[in-house]
Amino acid sequence: MKTLHYVGITMMLASCAFAAQSELVGEWKTKDGKEMIEFTPDGHVRSLAQGIGVEGKYECKADIVILKFNGDGAPPKVERKYAVLGEDLKLEEVDNHHVTEFRRVDKKKG
């Protein structure tokens, strides 16, 4: 009986992570258009900021999105608290609480 309980909890947590990830799917830009971030349904992310483009993967855990970028000059792992409010996305740096606000520029892909 305990095994069934643990399986149920694991499935519930996995479905919560999927729901959180699906709300991020799409392309987002800052209001001034200088930064862009795109999340795909298969867990890939690409970002453009200060003229530098990076790609990688992402995963969601509760209200944290973990970004793992590839390439020269890219931080290997970045954690951001996030909130999606309608067509707006706020990413908050976990260490210094700097917030970057984005607006959805396309419909959800997925």
Protein backbone atom coordinates (compact mmCIF):
# COMPACT_ATOMS: atom_id res chain seq x y z
CA MET A 1 0.00 0.00 0.00
CA LYS A 2 2.88 2.40 0.79
CA THR A 3 4.39 1.76 -2.65
CA LEU A 4 1.13 2.80 -4.32
CA HIS A 5 1.07 5.96 -2.18
CA TYR A 6 4.65 6.86 -3.22
CA VAL A 7 3.88 6.20 -6.89
CA GLY A 8 0.85 8.50 -6.62
CA ILE A 9 2.90 11.29 -5.05
CA THR A 10 5.63 10.92 -7.69
CA MET A 11 3.07 11.11 -10.50
CA MET A 12 1.43 14.16 -8.91
CA LEU A 13 4.78 15.97 -8.61
CA ALA A 14 5.68 15.10 -12.21
CA SER A 15 2.34 16.44 -13.47
CA CYS A 16 2.84 19.66 -11.47
CA ALA A 17 6.29 20.11 -13.04
CA PHE A 18 4.83 19.52 -16.51
CA ALA A 19 2.05 22.07 -15.91
CA ALA A 20 4.58 24.64 -14.71
CA GLN A 21 6.82 23.98 -17.70
CA SER A 22 3.95 24.24 -20.19
CA GLU A 23 3.02 27.75 -19.06
CA LEU A 24 6.53 28.94 -19.99
CA VAL A 25 6.41 27.50 -23.52
CA GLY A 26 6.64 30.20 -26.16
CA GLU A 27 8.69 33.24 -27.08
CA TRP A 28 9.04 36.19 -24.70
CA LYS A 29 10.64 39.64 -25.14
CA THR A 30 11.36 42.47 -22.76
CA LYS A 31 9.23 45.57 -23.25
CA ASP A 32 12.17 47.40 -24.82
CA GLY A 33 12.83 44.43 -27.13
CA LYS A 34 16.49 44.13 -26.12
CA GLU A 35 16.19 40.69 -24.54
CA MET A 36 14.42 37.56 -25.73
CA ILE A 37 13.91 34.10 -24.28
CA GLU A 38 12.14 31.14 -25.86
CA PHE A 39 11.05 27.94 -24.11
CA THR A 40 10.10 24.91 -26.24
CA PRO A 41 7.82 22.04 -25.17
CA ASP A 42 10.72 19.56 -25.30
CA GLY A 43 12.70 21.42 -22.60
CA HIS A 44 15.02 23.53 -24.77
CA VAL A 45 15.64 27.23 -24.21
CA ARG A 46 17.33 29.92 -26.23
CA SER A 47 18.07 33.42 -25.07
CA LEU A 48 19.38 36.63 -26.57
CA ALA A 49 20.63 39.41 -24.27
CA GLN A 50 23.13 42.20 -24.89
CA GLY A 51 23.69 40.84 -28.39
CA ILE A 52 24.77 37.42 -27.13
CA GLY A 53 22.71 34.35 -27.99
CA VAL A 54 22.86 31.16 -25.95
CA GLU A 55 20.99 27.87 -26.07
CA GLY A 56 20.46 25.06 -23.62
CA LYS A 57 17.84 23.18 -21.66
CA TYR A 58 15.47 24.06 -18.85
CA GLU A 59 13.44 22.35 -16.18
CA CYS A 60 10.90 23.58 -13.67
CA LYS A 61 10.76 22.81 -9.98
CA ALA A 62 7.85 24.53 -8.23
CA ASP A 63 8.32 28.25 -8.94
CA ILE A 64 11.97 27.91 -10.02
CA VAL A 65 13.13 27.47 -13.60
CA ILE A 66 16.61 25.99 -13.94
CA LEU A 67 18.38 27.07 -17.13
CA LYS A 68 21.41 25.06 -18.29
CA PHE A 69 23.13 26.89 -21.14
CA ASN A 70 25.72 25.63 -23.63
CA GLY A 71 28.47 27.67 -25.26
CA ASP A 72 31.28 30.07 -24.59
CA GLY A 73 30.60 32.81 -22.10
CA ALA A 74 27.29 31.31 -20.99
CA PRO A 75 26.78 30.58 -17.31
CA PRO A 76 26.54 26.78 -16.96
CA LYS A 77 23.49 26.84 -14.69
CA VAL A 78 21.12 29.67 -13.82
CA GLU A 79 18.19 29.52 -11.43
CA ARG A 80 15.33 32.02 -11.61
CA LYS A 81 12.09 32.31 -9.72
CA TYR A 82 9.34 32.86 -12.24
CA ALA A 83 5.74 33.97 -12.42
CA VAL A 84 3.49 33.90 -15.47
CA LEU A 85 0.60 36.33 -15.22
CA GLY A 86 -1.49 36.16 -18.39
CA GLU A 87 0.84 37.31 -21.18
CA ASP A 88 3.55 38.54 -18.80
CA LEU A 89 6.54 36.64 -17.44
CA LYS A 90 8.71 37.78 -14.54
CA LEU A 91 12.10 36.14 -13.98
CA GLU A 92 13.77 36.93 -10.66
CA GLU A 93 17.41 36.17 -10.00
CA VAL A 94 17.55 33.96 -6.92
CA ASP A 95 20.78 35.45 -5.54
CA ASN A 96 20.17 39.21 -5.92
CA HIS A 97 16.40 39.43 -6.58
CA HIS A 98 16.81 41.44 -9.82
CA VAL A 99 13.59 41.06 -11.84
CA THR A 100 13.37 41.04 -15.63
CA GLU A 101 9.90 41.38 -17.13
CA PHE A 102 8.94 39.81 -20.45
CA ARG A 103 5.83 39.87 -22.63
CA ARG A 104 4.67 36.87 -24.68
CA VAL A 105 5.18 37.53 -28.39
CA ASP A 106 3.58 34.36 -29.74
CA LYS A 107 0.87 31.92 -28.88
CA LYS A 108 1.78 28.91 -26.79
CA LYS A 109 3.54 26.23 -28.81
CA GLY A 110 2.47 22.92 -27.48
